[in-house]
C-alpha atoms as a PDB file:
ATOM      1  CA  UNK A   1     -30.752 -16.760  14.562  1.00  0.00           C
ATOM      2  CA  UNK A   2     -28.683 -13.880  16.514  1.00  0.00           C
ATOM      3  CA  UNK A   3     -26.391 -10.750  14.451  1.00  0.00           C
ATOM      4  CA  UNK A   4     -23.145 -10.973  13.912  1.00  0.00           C
ATOM      5  CA  UNK A   5     -21.698  -7.511  15.458  1.00  0.00           C
ATOM      6  CA  UNK A   6     -20.428  -5.164  12.127  1.00  0.00           C
ATOM      7  CA  UNK A   7     -17.226  -4.456  13.692  1.00  0.00           C
ATOM      8  CA  UNK A   8     -16.815  -8.294  14.734  1.00  0.00           C
ATOM      9  CA  UNK A   9     -17.334  -9.180  10.940  1.00  0.00           C
ATOM     10  CA  UNK A  10     -15.391  -6.510   9.600  1.00  0.00           C
ATOM     11  CA  UNK A  11     -12.441  -7.350  12.211  1.00  0.00           C
ATOM     12  CA  UNK A  12     -11.967 -11.178  11.386  1.00  0.00           C
ATOM     13  CA  UNK A  13     -11.784 -10.304   7.589  1.00  0.00           C
ATOM     14  CA  UNK A  14      -9.006  -7.958   8.414  1.00  0.00           C
ATOM     15  CA  UNK A  15      -6.621 -10.145  10.222  1.00  0.00           C
ATOM     16  CA  UNK A  16      -7.542 -13.043   7.750  1.00  0.00           C
ATOM     17  CA  UNK A  17      -6.161 -10.736   4.654  1.00  0.00           C
ATOM     18  CA  UNK A  18      -3.333 -10.157   7.222  1.00  0.00           C
ATOM     19  CA  UNK A  19      -2.400 -14.370   7.102  1.00  0.00           C
ATOM     20  CA  UNK A  20      -3.594 -14.730   3.482  1.00  0.00           C
ATOM     21  CA  UNK A  21      -1.113 -11.104   2.502  1.00  0.00           C
ATOM     22  CA  UNK A  22       1.662 -13.057   4.801  1.00  0.00           C
ATOM     23  CA  UNK A  23       2.093 -16.058   3.335  1.00  0.00           C
ATOM     24  CA  UNK A  24       1.343 -15.070  -0.227  1.00  0.00           C
ATOM     25  CA  UNK A  25       4.157 -13.067  -0.455  1.00  0.00           C
ATOM     26  CA  UNK A  26       6.504 -14.706   1.346  1.00  0.00           C
ATOM     27  CA  UNK A  27       6.170 -17.653  -0.560  1.00  0.00           C
ATOM     28  CA  UNK A  28       6.737 -15.775  -4.064  1.00  0.00           C
ATOM     29  CA  UNK A  29       9.584 -16.052  -5.759  1.00  0.00           C
ATOM     30  CA  UNK A  30      12.871 -13.667  -5.304  1.00  0.00           C
ATOM     31  CA  UNK A  31      12.161 -13.675  -9.879  1.00  0.00           C
ATOM     32  CA  UNK A  32       8.784 -12.662  -8.780  1.00  0.00           C
ATOM     33  CA  UNK A  33       9.434  -9.488  -6.735  1.00  0.00           C
ATOM     34  CA  UNK A  34       9.624  -6.977  -9.291  1.00  0.00           C
ATOM     35  CA  UNK A  35       6.481  -7.509 -10.890  1.00  0.00           C
ATOM     36  CA  UNK A  36       5.033  -7.595  -6.817  1.00  0.00           C
ATOM     37  CA  UNK A  37       6.671  -4.194  -6.635  1.00  0.00           C
ATOM     38  CA  UNK A  38       5.074  -2.863  -9.273  1.00  0.00           C
ATOM     39  CA  UNK A  39       1.488  -3.599  -8.316  1.00  0.00           C
ATOM     40  CA  UNK A  40       1.937  -2.434  -4.887  1.00  0.00           C
ATOM     41  CA  UNK A  41       3.637   0.679  -6.242  1.00  0.00           C
ATOM     42  CA  UNK A  42       0.262   0.934  -8.539  1.00  0.00           C
ATOM     43  CA  UNK A  43      -2.556   0.164  -5.064  1.00  0.00           C
ATOM     44  CA  UNK A  44      -0.334   3.202  -3.260  1.00  0.00           C
ATOM     45  CA  UNK A  45      -0.831   5.572  -5.905  1.00  0.00           C
ATOM     46  CA  UNK A  46      -4.758   4.903  -5.885  1.00  0.00           C
ATOM     47  CA  UNK A  47      -4.394   5.209  -1.897  1.00  0.00           C
ATOM     48  CA  UNK A  48      -1.834   8.610  -3.036  1.00  0.00           C
ATOM     49  CA  UNK A  49      -5.658  10.374  -4.971  1.00  0.00           C
ATOM     50  CA  UNK A  50      -7.473   8.712  -2.180  1.00  0.00           C
ATOM     51  CA  UNK A  51      -5.214  10.809   0.359  1.00  0.00           C
ATOM     52  CA  UNK A  52      -5.047  13.637  -1.411  1.00  0.00           C
ATOM     53  CA  UNK A  53      -9.308  13.865  -1.635  1.00  0.00           C
ATOM     54  CA  UNK A  54      -9.782  13.127   1.930  1.00  0.00           C
ATOM     55  CA  UNK A  55      -6.796  16.149   2.247  1.00  0.00           C
ATOM     56  CA  UNK A  56      -8.434  18.469   0.003  1.00  0.00           C
ATOM     57  CA  UNK A  57     -12.432  17.908   0.892  1.00  0.00           C
ATOM     58  CA  UNK A  58     -12.473  21.791   2.459  1.00  0.00           C
ATOM     59  CA  UNK A  59     -12.545  22.819  -0.410  1.00  0.00           C
ATOM     60  CA  UNK A  60     -16.273  21.530  -1.108  1.00  0.00           C
ATOM     61  CA  UNK A  61     -17.285  22.209   2.697  1.00  0.00           C
ATOM     62  CA  UNK A  62     -18.047  18.810   4.001  1.00  0.00           C
ATOM     63  CA  UNK A  63     -14.909  17.302   5.751  1.00  0.00           C
ATOM     64  CA  UNK A  64     -13.780  17.251   8.764  1.00  0.00           C
ATOM     65  CA  UNK A  65     -10.738  17.703  10.532  1.00  0.00           C
ATOM     66  CA  UNK A  66     -10.400  13.334  12.037  1.00  0.00           C
ATOM     67  CA  UNK A  67     -10.834  13.090   7.937  1.00  0.00           C
ATOM     68  CA  UNK A  68      -7.910  15.644   6.709  1.00  0.00           C
ATOM     69  CA  UNK A  69      -6.173  14.134   8.974  1.00  0.00           C
ATOM     70  CA  UNK A  70      -5.708  10.553   8.279  1.00  0.00           C
ATOM     71  CA  UNK A  71      -5.898  11.612   4.909  1.00  0.00           C
ATOM     72  CA  UNK A  72      -2.196  13.234   5.154  1.00  0.00           C
ATOM     73  CA  UNK A  73      -1.275  10.711   7.071  1.00  0.00           C
ATOM     74  CA  UNK A  74      -2.497   8.102   4.379  1.00  0.00           C
ATOM     75  CA  UNK A  75      -0.369  10.518   1.436  1.00  0.00           C
ATOM     76  CA  UNK A  76       2.937  10.562   3.733  1.00  0.00           C
ATOM     77  CA  UNK A  77       2.892   6.590   4.144  1.00  0.00           C
ATOM     78  CA  UNK A  78       1.810   5.943   0.413  1.00  0.00           C
ATOM     79  CA  UNK A  79       4.373   8.586  -0.802  1.00  0.00           C
ATOM     80  CA  UNK A  80       6.863   6.712   1.755  1.00  0.00           C
ATOM     81  CA  UNK A  81       5.350   2.892   0.241  1.00  0.00           C
ATOM     82  CA  UNK A  82       6.217   4.005  -3.452  1.00  0.00           C
ATOM     83  CA  UNK A  83       9.366   5.537  -3.344  1.00  0.00           C
ATOM     84  CA  UNK A  84      10.374   2.233  -1.110  1.00  0.00           C
ATOM     85  CA  UNK A  85       9.455   0.711  -4.062  1.00  0.00           C
ATOM     86  CA  UNK A  86      10.814   2.434  -6.730  1.00  0.00           C
ATOM     87  CA  UNK A  87      14.667   2.183  -4.541  1.00  0.00           C
ATOM     88  CA  UNK A  88      13.804  -1.640  -4.049  1.00  0.00           C
ATOM     89  CA  UNK A  89      13.037  -2.449  -7.251  1.00  0.00           C
ATOM     90  CA  UNK A  90      15.813  -0.881  -8.646  1.00  0.00           C
ATOM     91  CA  UNK A  91      18.201  -2.918  -6.406  1.00  0.00           C
ATOM     92  CA  UNK A  92      16.642  -5.285  -7.645  1.00  0.00           C
ATOM     93  CA  UNK A  93      17.112  -5.205 -11.751  1.00  0.00           C
ATOM     94  CA  UNK A  94      20.318  -3.796 -10.557  1.00  0.00           C
ATOM     95  CA  UNK A  95      21.762  -7.231  -9.066  1.00  0.00           C
ATOM     96  CA  UNK A  96      20.474  -8.784 -12.864  1.00  0.00           C
ATOM     97  CA  UNK A  97      23.092  -6.346 -14.249  1.00  0.00           C
ATOM     98  CA  UNK A  98      26.556  -7.460 -16.126  1.00  0.00           C
ATOM     99  CA  UNK A  99      29.292  -6.719 -14.377  1.00  0.00           C
ATOM    100  CA  UNK A 100      32.378  -4.158 -16.136  1.00  0.00           C
ATOM    101  CA  UNK A 101      35.517  -5.328 -15.392  1.00  0.00           C
ATOM    102  CA  UNK A 102      37.167  -2.202 -16.840  1.00  0.00           C
END
């Protein structure tokens, strides 16, 4: 029996995850967008912790420059994602407030 290349196996799982994620997110009703953004912010906060560990790897003399660079990029992208998620959540919640006509 022939072995499957691990790269091809992991790439196929990644592509399947993209398709599943796309269809799951686009099928969410508008009323559930705020809880979905909350979960996304929670996942991004875990990414921030991992990125901070990758950037601070030099403190234990075990890190390479690529780990620091990718950790810094992950830190920036996850921070933007969290900030944007809070903005979207704030706008979604503002849609449900009653308007004062004073």
